[in-house]
Each structure stands twice: as structure tokens, then as C-alpha cells.
mmCIF file of all heavy atoms, coordinates in Angstrom:
data_MODEL
# 
_entry.id   MODEL 
# 
loop_
_atom_site.group_PDB 
_atom_site.id 
_atom_site.type_symbol 
_atom_site.label_atom_id 
_atom_site.label_alt_id 
_atom_site.label_comp_id 
_atom_site.label_asym_id 
_atom_site.label_entity_id 
_atom_site.label_seq_id 
_atom_site.pdbx_PDB_ins_code 
_atom_site.Cartn_x 
_atom_site.Cartn_y 
_atom_site.Cartn_z 
_atom_site.occupancy 
_atom_site.B_iso_or_equiv 
_atom_site.pdbx_formal_charge 
_atom_site.auth_seq_id 
_atom_site.auth_comp_id 
_atom_site.auth_asym_id 
_atom_site.auth_atom_id 
_atom_site.pdbx_PDB_model_num 
ATOM 1   N N   . TYR A 1 1  ? -44.137 15.572 0.032  1.00 0.00 ? 1  TYR A N   1 
ATOM 2   C CA  . TYR A 1 1  ? -44.992 16.510 -0.726 1.00 0.00 ? 1  TYR A CA  1 
ATOM 3   C C   . TYR A 1 1  ? -45.407 17.681 0.201  1.00 0.00 ? 1  TYR A C   1 
ATOM 4   O O   . TYR A 1 1  ? -45.424 18.846 -0.175 1.00 0.00 ? 1  TYR A O   1 
ATOM 5   C CB  . TYR A 1 1  ? -46.169 15.788 -1.288 1.00 0.00 ? 1  TYR A CB  1 
ATOM 6   C CG  . TYR A 1 1  ? -47.247 16.735 -1.911 1.00 0.00 ? 1  TYR A CG  1 
ATOM 7   C CD1 . TYR A 1 1  ? -46.969 17.383 -3.139 1.00 0.00 ? 1  TYR A CD1 1 
ATOM 8   C CD2 . TYR A 1 1  ? -48.424 16.996 -1.248 1.00 0.00 ? 1  TYR A CD2 1 
ATOM 9   C CE1 . TYR A 1 1  ? -47.868 18.277 -3.617 1.00 0.00 ? 1  TYR A CE1 1 
ATOM 10  C CE2 . TYR A 1 1  ? -49.315 17.837 -1.781 1.00 0.00 ? 1  TYR A CE2 1 
ATOM 11  C CZ  . TYR A 1 1  ? -49.049 18.484 -2.977 1.00 0.00 ? 1  TYR A CZ  1 
ATOM 12  O OH  . TYR A 1 1  ? -49.941 19.398 -3.482 1.00 0.00 ? 1  TYR A OH  1 
ATOM 13  N N   . LYS A 1 2  ? -45.814 17.241 1.427  1.00 0.00 ? 2  LYS A N   1 
ATOM 14  C CA  . LYS A 1 2  ? -46.246 18.308 2.425  1.00 0.00 ? 2  LYS A CA  1 
ATOM 15  C C   . LYS A 1 2  ? -45.098 19.305 2.744  1.00 0.00 ? 2  LYS A C   1 
ATOM 16  O O   . LYS A 1 2  ? -45.377 20.450 2.923  1.00 0.00 ? 2  LYS A O   1 
ATOM 17  C CB  . LYS A 1 2  ? -46.731 17.681 3.648  1.00 0.00 ? 2  LYS A CB  1 
ATOM 18  C CG  . LYS A 1 2  ? -48.116 16.943 3.477  1.00 0.00 ? 2  LYS A CG  1 
ATOM 19  C CD  . LYS A 1 2  ? -48.626 16.361 4.833  1.00 0.00 ? 2  LYS A CD  1 
ATOM 20  C CE  . LYS A 1 2  ? -50.014 15.814 4.592  1.00 0.00 ? 2  LYS A CE  1 
ATOM 21  N NZ  . LYS A 1 2  ? -50.536 15.165 5.891  1.00 0.00 ? 2  LYS A NZ  1 
ATOM 22  N N   . LEU A 1 3  ? -43.860 18.717 2.831  1.00 0.00 ? 3  LEU A N   1 
ATOM 23  C CA  . LEU A 1 3  ? -42.755 19.590 3.031  1.00 0.00 ? 3  LEU A CA  1 
ATOM 24  C C   . LEU A 1 3  ? -42.544 20.536 1.859  1.00 0.00 ? 3  LEU A C   1 
ATOM 25  O O   . LEU A 1 3  ? -42.193 21.715 2.005  1.00 0.00 ? 3  LEU A O   1 
ATOM 26  C CB  . LEU A 1 3  ? -41.493 18.768 3.267  1.00 0.00 ? 3  LEU A CB  1 
ATOM 27  C CG  . LEU A 1 3  ? -41.551 17.961 4.615  1.00 0.00 ? 3  LEU A CG  1 
ATOM 28  C CD1 . LEU A 1 3  ? -40.289 17.101 4.693  1.00 0.00 ? 3  LEU A CD1 1 
ATOM 29  C CD2 . LEU A 1 3  ? -41.609 18.863 5.830  1.00 0.00 ? 3  LEU A CD2 1 
ATOM 30  N N   . VAL A 1 4  ? -42.718 20.018 0.620  1.00 0.00 ? 4  VAL A N   1 
ATOM 31  C CA  . VAL A 1 4  ? -42.439 20.784 -0.566 1.00 0.00 ? 4  VAL A CA  1 
ATOM 32  C C   . VAL A 1 4  ? -43.463 21.998 -0.621 1.00 0.00 ? 4  VAL A C   1 
ATOM 33  O O   . VAL A 1 4  ? -43.123 23.141 -0.917 1.00 0.00 ? 4  VAL A O   1 
ATOM 34  C CB  . VAL A 1 4  ? -42.631 19.953 -1.815 1.00 0.00 ? 4  VAL A CB  1 
ATOM 35  C CG1 . VAL A 1 4  ? -42.624 20.795 -3.061 1.00 0.00 ? 4  VAL A CG1 1 
ATOM 36  C CG2 . VAL A 1 4  ? -41.479 19.032 -1.943 1.00 0.00 ? 4  VAL A CG2 1 
ATOM 37  N N   . VAL A 1 5  ? -44.744 21.727 -0.294 1.00 0.00 ? 5  VAL A N   1 
ATOM 38  C CA  . VAL A 1 5  ? -45.698 22.775 -0.410 1.00 0.00 ? 5  VAL A CA  1 
ATOM 39  C C   . VAL A 1 5  ? -45.756 23.640 0.848  1.00 0.00 ? 5  VAL A C   1 
ATOM 40  O O   . VAL A 1 5  ? -46.539 24.604 0.945  1.00 0.00 ? 5  VAL A O   1 
ATOM 41  C CB  . VAL A 1 5  ? -47.149 22.254 -0.675 1.00 0.00 ? 5  VAL A CB  1 
ATOM 42  C CG1 . VAL A 1 5  ? -47.123 21.509 -2.045 1.00 0.00 ? 5  VAL A CG1 1 
ATOM 43  C CG2 . VAL A 1 5  ? -47.610 21.262 0.457  1.00 0.00 ? 5  VAL A CG2 1 
ATOM 44  N N   . GLY A 1 6  ? -44.877 23.345 1.805  1.00 0.00 ? 6  GLY A N   1 
ATOM 45  C CA  . GLY A 1 6  ? -44.818 24.143 3.063  1.00 0.00 ? 6  GLY A CA  1 
ATOM 46  C C   . GLY A 1 6  ? -45.838 23.825 4.138  1.00 0.00 ? 6  GLY A C   1 
ATOM 47  O O   . GLY A 1 6  ? -46.003 24.619 5.051  1.00 0.00 ? 6  GLY A O   1 
ATOM 48  N N   . GLY A 1 7  ? -46.572 22.727 3.979  1.00 0.00 ? 7  GLY A N   1 
ATOM 49  C CA  . GLY A 1 7  ? -47.570 22.424 5.002  1.00 0.00 ? 7  GLY A CA  1 
ATOM 50  C C   . GLY A 1 7  ? -47.211 21.421 6.049  1.00 0.00 ? 7  GLY A C   1 
ATOM 51  O O   . GLY A 1 7  ? -47.912 21.081 6.903  1.00 0.00 ? 7  GLY A O   1 
ATOM 52  N N   . GLY A 1 8  ? -45.902 20.941 5.963  1.00 0.00 ? 8  GLY A N   1 
ATOM 53  C CA  . GLY A 1 8  ? -45.413 20.024 6.978  1.00 0.00 ? 8  GLY A CA  1 
ATOM 54  C C   . GLY A 1 8  ? -44.572 20.585 8.105  1.00 0.00 ? 8  GLY A C   1 
ATOM 55  O O   . GLY A 1 8  ? -44.052 21.771 7.898  1.00 0.00 ? 8  GLY A O   1 
ATOM 56  N N   . ALA A 1 9  ? -44.501 19.900 9.191  1.00 0.00 ? 9  ALA A N   1 
ATOM 57  C CA  . ALA A 1 9  ? -43.667 20.371 10.351 1.00 0.00 ? 9  ALA A CA  1 
ATOM 58  C C   . ALA A 1 9  ? -42.451 19.553 10.323 1.00 0.00 ? 9  ALA A C   1 
ATOM 59  O O   . ALA A 1 9  ? -42.358 18.464 9.966  1.00 0.00 ? 9  ALA A O   1 
ATOM 60  C CB  . ALA A 1 9  ? -44.458 20.144 11.651 1.00 0.00 ? 9  ALA A CB  1 
ATOM 61  N N   . GLY A 1 10 ? -41.334 20.257 10.760 1.00 0.00 ? 10 GLY A N   1 
ATOM 62  C CA  . GLY A 1 10 ? -40.084 19.589 10.823 1.00 0.00 ? 10 GLY A CA  1 
ATOM 63  C C   . GLY A 1 10 ? -38.890 20.528 10.910 1.00 0.00 ? 10 GLY A C   1 
ATOM 64  O O   . GLY A 1 10 ? -39.091 21.761 11.035 1.00 0.00 ? 10 GLY A O   1 
ATOM 65  N N   . SER A 1 11 ? -37.734 20.105 10.851 1.00 0.00 ? 11 SER A N   1 
ATOM 66  C CA  . SER A 1 11 ? -36.581 20.946 10.856 1.00 0.00 ? 11 SER A CA  1 
ATOM 67  C C   . SER A 1 11 ? -36.411 21.722 9.600  1.00 0.00 ? 11 SER A C   1 
ATOM 68  O O   . SER A 1 11 ? -36.992 21.439 8.586  1.00 0.00 ? 11 SER A O   1 
ATOM 69  C CB  . SER A 1 11 ? -35.297 20.100 11.056 1.00 0.00 ? 11 SER A CB  1 
ATOM 70  O OG  . SER A 1 11 ? -35.007 19.306 9.917  1.00 0.00 ? 11 SER A OG  1 
ATOM 71  N N   . HIS A 1 12 ? -35.609 22.867 9.698  1.00 0.00 ? 12 HIS A N   1 
ATOM 72  C CA  . HIS A 1 12 ? -35.421 23.666 8.530  1.00 0.00 ? 12 HIS A CA  1 
ATOM 73  C C   . HIS A 1 12 ? -34.739 22.891 7.411  1.00 0.00 ? 12 HIS A C   1 
ATOM 74  O O   . HIS A 1 12 ? -35.056 23.108 6.258  1.00 0.00 ? 12 HIS A O   1 
ATOM 75  C CB  . HIS A 1 12 ? -34.517 24.873 8.879  1.00 0.00 ? 12 HIS A CB  1 
ATOM 76  C CG  . HIS A 1 12 ? -35.250 25.851 9.754  1.00 0.00 ? 12 HIS A CG  1 
ATOM 77  N ND1 . HIS A 1 12 ? -36.345 26.615 9.288  1.00 0.00 ? 12 HIS A ND1 1 
ATOM 78  C CD2 . HIS A 1 12 ? -35.071 26.319 10.985 1.00 0.00 ? 12 HIS A CD2 1 
ATOM 79  C CE1 . HIS A 1 12 ? -36.771 27.410 10.228 1.00 0.00 ? 12 HIS A CE1 1 
ATOM 80  N NE2 . HIS A 1 12 ? -36.009 27.223 11.296 1.00 0.00 ? 12 HIS A NE2 1 
ATOM 81  N N   . PHE A 1 13 ? -33.818 21.963 7.780  1.00 0.00 ? 13 PHE A N   1 
ATOM 82  C CA  . PHE A 1 13 ? -33.159 21.141 6.794  1.00 0.00 ? 13 PHE A CA  1 
ATOM 83  C C   . PHE A 1 13 ? -34.273 20.312 5.963  1.00 0.00 ? 13 PHE A C   1 
ATOM 84  O O   . PHE A 1 13 ? -34.290 20.185 4.746  1.00 0.00 ? 13 PHE A O   1 
ATOM 85  C CB  . PHE A 1 13 ? -32.174 20.159 7.417  1.00 0.00 ? 13 PHE A CB  1 
ATOM 86  C CG  . PHE A 1 13 ? -31.570 19.235 6.389  1.00 0.00 ? 13 PHE A CG  1 
ATOM 87  C CD1 . PHE A 1 13 ? -30.504 19.697 5.597  1.00 0.00 ? 13 PHE A CD1 1 
ATOM 88  C CD2 . PHE A 1 13 ? -32.020 17.985 6.228  1.00 0.00 ? 13 PHE A CD2 1 
ATOM 89  C CE1 . PHE A 1 13 ? -29.926 18.761 4.673  1.00 0.00 ? 13 PHE A CE1 1 
ATOM 90  C CE2 . PHE A 1 13 ? -31.487 17.048 5.337  1.00 0.00 ? 13 PHE A CE2 1 
ATOM 91  C CZ  . PHE A 1 13 ? -30.368 17.482 4.539  1.00 0.00 ? 13 PHE A CZ  1 
ATOM 92  N N   . MET A 1 14 ? -35.202 19.688 6.661  1.00 0.00 ? 14 MET A N   1 
ATOM 93  C CA  . MET A 1 14 ? -36.258 18.844 6.040  1.00 0.00 ? 14 MET A CA  1 
ATOM 94  C C   . MET A 1 14 ? -37.161 19.707 5.229  1.00 0.00 ? 14 MET A C   1 
ATOM 95  O O   . MET A 1 14 ? -37.516 19.381 4.082  1.00 0.00 ? 14 MET A O   1 
ATOM 96  C CB  . MET A 1 14 ? -36.981 18.166 7.104  1.00 0.00 ? 14 MET A CB  1 
ATOM 97  C CG  . MET A 1 14 ? -36.257 16.991 7.747  1.00 0.00 ? 14 MET A CG  1 
ATOM 98  S SD  . MET A 1 14 ? -37.256 16.189 9.013  1.00 0.00 ? 14 MET A SD  1 
ATOM 99  C CE  . MET A 1 14 ? -38.561 15.446 8.105  1.00 0.00 ? 14 MET A CE  1 
ATOM 100 N N   . LEU A 1 15 ? -37.504 20.959 5.689  1.00 0.00 ? 15 LEU A N   1 
ATOM 101 C CA  . LEU A 1 15 ? -38.363 21.814 4.841  1.00 0.00 ? 15 LEU A CA  1 
ATOM 102 C C   . LEU A 1 15 ? -37.724 22.342 3.660  1.00 0.00 ? 15 LEU A C   1 
ATOM 103 O O   . LEU A 1 15 ? -38.329 22.401 2.652  1.00 0.00 ? 15 LEU A O   1 
ATOM 104 C CB  . LEU A 1 15 ? -38.802 23.015 5.823  1.00 0.00 ? 15 LEU A CB  1 
ATOM 105 C CG  . LEU A 1 15 ? -39.720 22.665 6.955  1.00 0.00 ? 15 LEU A CG  1 
ATOM 106 C CD1 . LEU A 1 15 ? -39.907 23.879 7.887  1.00 0.00 ? 15 LEU A CD1 1 
ATOM 107 C CD2 . LEU A 1 15 ? -41.062 22.149 6.474  1.00 0.00 ? 15 LEU A CD2 1 
ATOM 108 N N   . ASP A 1 16 ? -36.466 22.651 3.819  1.00 0.00 ? 16 ASP A N   1 
ATOM 109 C CA  . ASP A 1 16 ? -35.687 23.119 2.643  1.00 0.00 ? 16 ASP A CA  1 
ATOM 110 C C   . ASP A 1 16 ? -35.421 22.026 1.580  1.00 0.00 ? 16 ASP A C   1 
ATOM 111 O O   . ASP A 1 16 ? -35.126 22.338 0.470  1.00 0.00 ? 16 ASP A O   1 
ATOM 112 C CB  . ASP A 1 16 ? -34.373 23.715 3.050  1.00 0.00 ? 16 ASP A CB  1 
ATOM 113 C CG  . ASP A 1 16 ? -34.665 25.042 3.867  1.00 0.00 ? 16 ASP A CG  1 
ATOM 114 O OD1 . ASP A 1 16 ? -35.656 25.577 3.744  1.00 0.00 ? 16 ASP A OD1 1 
ATOM 115 O OD2 . ASP A 1 16 ? -33.657 25.411 4.705  1.00 0.00 ? 16 ASP A OD2 1 
ATOM 116 N N   . ASN A 1 17 ? -35.424 20.850 2.028  1.00 0.00 ? 17 ASN A N   1 
ATOM 117 C CA  . ASN A 1 17 ? -34.954 19.741 1.164  1.00 0.00 ? 17 ASN A CA  1 
ATOM 118 C C   . ASN A 1 17 ? -36.052 18.700 0.896  1.00 0.00 ? 17 ASN A C   1 
ATOM 119 O O   . ASN A 1 17 ? -35.786 17.546 0.511  1.00 0.00 ? 17 ASN A O   1 
ATOM 120 C CB  . ASN A 1 17 ? -33.716 19.037 1.663  1.00 0.00 ? 17 ASN A CB  1 
ATOM 121 C CG  . ASN A 1 17 ? -32.498 19.969 1.638  1.00 0.00 ? 17 ASN A CG  1 
ATOM 122 O OD1 . ASN A 1 17 ? -31.857 20.166 0.642  1.00 0.00 ? 17 ASN A OD1 1 
ATOM 123 N ND2 . ASN A 1 17 ? -32.216 20.460 2.900  1.00 0.00 ? 17 ASN A ND2 1 
ATOM 124 N N   . GLY A 1 18 ? -37.288 19.037 1.162  1.00 0.00 ? 18 GLY A N   1 
ATOM 125 C CA  . GLY A 1 18 ? -38.377 18.130 0.940  1.00 0.00 ? 18 GLY A CA  1 
ATOM 126 C C   . GLY A 1 18 ? -38.598 17.672 -0.479 1.00 0.00 ? 18 GLY A C   1 
ATOM 127 O O   . GLY A 1 18 ? -38.864 16.502 -0.682 1.00 0.00 ? 18 GLY A O   1 
ATOM 128 N N   . TYR A 1 19 ? -38.258 18.524 -1.443 1.00 0.00 ? 19 TYR A N   1 
ATOM 129 C CA  . TYR A 1 19 ? -38.334 18.124 -2.800 1.00 0.00 ? 19 TYR A CA  1 
ATOM 130 C C   . TYR A 1 19 ? -37.250 17.046 -3.126 1.00 0.00 ? 19 TYR A C   1 
ATOM 131 O O   . TYR A 1 19 ? -37.551 16.150 -3.972 1.00 0.00 ? 19 TYR A O   1 
ATOM 132 C CB  . TYR A 1 19 ? -38.114 19.354 -3.679 1.00 0.00 ? 19 TYR A CB  1 
ATOM 133 C CG  . TYR A 1 19 ? -38.321 19.123 -5.154 1.00 0.00 ? 19 TYR A CG  1 
ATOM 134 C CD1 . TYR A 1 19 ? -39.532 18.795 -5.620 1.00 0.00 ? 19 TYR A CD1 1 
ATOM 135 C CD2 . TYR A 1 19 ? -37.255 19.285 -6.055 1.00 0.00 ? 19 TYR A CD2 1 
ATOM 136 C CE1 . TYR A 1 19 ? -39.760 18.509 -6.975 1.00 0.00 ? 19 TYR A CE1 1 
ATOM 137 C CE2 . TYR A 1 19 ? -37.396 19.075 -7.348 1.00 0.00 ? 19 TYR A CE2 1 
ATOM 138 C CZ  . TYR A 1 19 ? -38.673 18.718 -7.869 1.00 0.00 ? 19 TYR A CZ  1 
ATOM 139 O OH  . TYR A 1 19 ? -38.868 18.515 -9.180 1.00 0.00 ? 19 TYR A OH  1 
ATOM 140 N N   . LEU A 1 20 ? -36.078 17.207 -2.612 1.00 0.00 ? 20 LEU A N   1 
ATOM 141 C CA  . LEU A 1 20 ? -35.013 16.177 -2.813 1.00 0.00 ? 20 LEU A CA  1 
ATOM 142 C C   . LEU A 1 20 ? -35.468 14.879 -2.198 1.00 0.00 ? 20 LEU A C   1 
ATOM 143 O O   . LEU A 1 20 ? -35.203 13.788 -2.732 1.00 0.00 ? 20 LEU A O   1 
ATOM 144 C CB  . LEU A 1 20 ? -33.744 16.637 -2.168 1.00 0.00 ? 20 LEU A CB  1 
ATOM 145 C CG  . LEU A 1 20 ? -33.084 17.879 -2.886 1.00 0.00 ? 20 LEU A CG  1 
ATOM 146 C CD1 . LEU A 1 20 ? -31.758 18.233 -2.214 1.00 0.00 ? 20 LEU A CD1 1 
ATOM 147 C CD2 . LEU A 1 20 ? -32.797 17.567 -4.356 1.00 0.00 ? 20 LEU A CD2 1 
ATOM 148 N N   . MET A 1 21 ? -36.117 14.964 -1.001 1.00 0.00 ? 21 MET A N   1 
ATOM 149 C CA  . MET A 1 21 ? -36.636 13.720 -0.433 1.00 0.00 ? 21 MET A CA  1 
ATOM 150 C C   . MET A 1 21 ? -37.671 12.987 -1.325 1.00 0.00 ? 21 MET A C   1 
ATOM 151 O O   . MET A 1 21 ? -37.673 11.799 -1.440 1.00 0.00 ? 21 MET A O   1 
ATOM 152 C CB  . MET A 1 21 ? -37.258 14.041 0.917  1.00 0.00 ? 21 MET A CB  1 
ATOM 153 C CG  . MET A 1 21 ? -36.239 14.416 2.069  1.00 0.00 ? 21 MET A CG  1 
ATOM 154 S SD  . MET A 1 21 ? -37.172 14.906 3.562  1.00 0.00 ? 21 MET A SD  1 
ATOM 155 C CE  . MET A 1 21 ? -38.100 13.389 3.897  1.00 0.00 ? 21 MET A CE  1 
ATOM 156 N N   . LEU A 1 22 ? -38.428 13.794 -1.994 1.00 0.00 ? 22 LEU A N   1 
ATOM 157 C CA  . LEU A 1 22 ? -39.447 13.276 -2.911 1.00 0.00 ? 22 LEU A CA  1 
ATOM 158 C C   . LEU A 1 22 ? -38.782 12.587 -4.070 1.00 0.00 ? 22 LEU A C   1 
ATOM 159 O O   . LEU A 1 22 ? -39.178 11.480 -4.505 1.00 0.00 ? 22 LEU A O   1 
ATOM 160 C CB  . LEU A 1 22 ? -40.258 14.483 -3.457 1.00 0.00 ? 22 LEU A CB  1 
ATOM 161 C CG  . LEU A 1 22 ? -41.545 14.066 -4.186 1.00 0.00 ? 22 LEU A CG  1 
ATOM 162 C CD1 . LEU A 1 22 ? -42.474 13.191 -3.401 1.00 0.00 ? 22 LEU A CD1 1 
ATOM 163 C CD2 . LEU A 1 22 ? -42.258 15.282 -4.648 1.00 0.00 ? 22 LEU A CD2 1 
ATOM 164 N N   . GLY A 1 23 ? -37.622 13.122 -4.479 1.00 0.00 ? 23 GLY A N   1 
ATOM 165 C CA  . GLY A 1 23 ? -36.807 12.442 -5.564 1.00 0.00 ? 23 GLY A CA  1 
ATOM 166 C C   . GLY A 1 23 ? -36.312 11.147 -5.040 1.00 0.00 ? 23 GLY A C   1 
ATOM 167 O O   . GLY A 1 23 ? -36.263 10.097 -5.828 1.00 0.00 ? 23 GLY A O   1 
ATOM 168 N N   . LEU A 1 24 ? -35.792 11.106 -3.811 1.00 0.00 ? 24 LEU A N   1 
ATOM 169 C CA  . LEU A 1 24 ? -35.263 9.820  -3.292 1.00 0.00 ? 24 LEU A CA  1 
ATOM 170 C C   . LEU A 1 24 ? -36.425 8.786  -3.183 1.00 0.00 ? 24 LEU A C   1 
ATOM 171 O O   . LEU A 1 24 ? -36.114 7.611  -3.408 1.00 0.00 ? 24 LEU A O   1 
ATOM 172 C CB  . LEU A 1 24 ? -34.646 10.052 -1.911 1.00 0.00 ? 24 LEU A CB  1 
ATOM 173 C CG  . LEU A 1 24 ? -33.439 10.907 -1.865 1.00 0.00 ? 24 LEU A CG  1 
ATOM 174 C CD1 . LEU A 1 24 ? -32.970 11.202 -0.434 1.00 0.00 ? 24 LEU A CD1 1 
ATOM 175 C CD2 . LEU A 1 24 ? -32.241 10.202 -2.620 1.00 0.00 ? 24 LEU A CD2 1 
ATOM 176 N N   . VAL A 1 25 ? -37.610 9.259  -2.884 1.00 0.00 ? 25 VAL A N   1 
ATOM 177 C CA  . VAL A 1 25 ? -38.719 8.262  -2.800 1.00 0.00 ? 25 VAL A CA  1 
ATOM 178 C C   . VAL A 1 25 ? -39.038 7.584  -4.201 1.00 0.00 ? 25 VAL A C   1 
ATOM 179 O O   . VAL A 1 25 ? -39.032 6.383  -4.205 1.00 0.00 ? 25 VAL A O   1 
ATOM 180 C CB  . VAL A 1 25 ? -40.013 9.016  -2.393 1.00 0.00 ? 25 VAL A CB  1 
ATOM 181 C CG1 . VAL A 1 25 ? -41.219 8.193  -2.566 1.00 0.00 ? 25 VAL A CG1 1 
ATOM 182 C CG2 . VAL A 1 25 ? -39.929 9.395  -0.890 1.00 0.00 ? 25 VAL A CG2 1 
ATOM 183 N N   . PHE A 1 26 ? -38.996 8.383  -5.239 1.00 0.00 ? 26 PHE A N   1 
ATOM 184 C CA  . PHE A 1 26 ? -39.242 7.823  -6.561 1.00 0.00 ? 26 PHE A CA  1 
ATOM 185 C C   . PHE A 1 26 ? -38.041 7.005  -6.963 1.00 0.00 ? 26 PHE A C   1 
ATOM 186 O O   . PHE A 1 26 ? -38.171 6.027  -7.706 1.00 0.00 ? 26 PHE A O   1 
ATOM 187 C CB  . PHE A 1 26 ? -39.644 8.897  -7.573 1.00 0.00 ? 26 PHE A CB  1 
ATOM 188 C CG  . PHE A 1 26 ? -40.973 9.405  -7.452 1.00 0.00 ? 26 PHE A CG  1 
ATOM 189 C CD1 . PHE A 1 26 ? -41.199 10.711 -7.082 1.00 0.00 ? 26 PHE A CD1 1 
ATOM 190 C CD2 . PHE A 1 26 ? -42.061 8.612  -7.618 1.00 0.00 ? 26 PHE A CD2 1 
ATOM 191 C CE1 . PHE A 1 26 ? -42.480 11.299 -6.974 1.00 0.00 ? 26 PHE A CE1 1 
ATOM 192 C CE2 . PHE A 1 26 ? -43.331 9.095  -7.513 1.00 0.00 ? 26 PHE A CE2 1 
ATOM 193 C CZ  . PHE A 1 26 ? -43.533 10.420 -7.106 1.00 0.00 ? 26 PHE A CZ  1 
ATOM 194 N N   . GLY A 1 27 ? -36.873 7.492  -6.631 1.00 0.00 ? 27 GLY A N   1 
ATOM 195 C CA  . GLY A 1 27 ? -35.618 6.711  -6.937 1.00 0.00 ? 27 GLY A CA  1 
ATOM 196 C C   . GLY A 1 27 ? -35.618 5.363  -6.270 1.00 0.00 ? 27 GLY A C   1 
ATOM 197 O O   . GLY A 1 27 ? -35.273 4.299  -6.884 1.00 0.00 ? 27 GLY A O   1 
# 
């Protein structure tokens, strides 16, 4: 969620795909 709203730190890949990571969490 922090990556989705742009408040998290990490690689550009993680920042660009934070929303997909959120989907994987719920999945």
C-alpha cells in the first residue's frame, strides 16, 4: 500500500508494481 501511494522506499520495479504486489497479497 505504501508503494502504491508513493510513500515507500525501494527499487523502481517495486514502486511501479506495488499495486500488483497488493493483488498477490490478497490472492
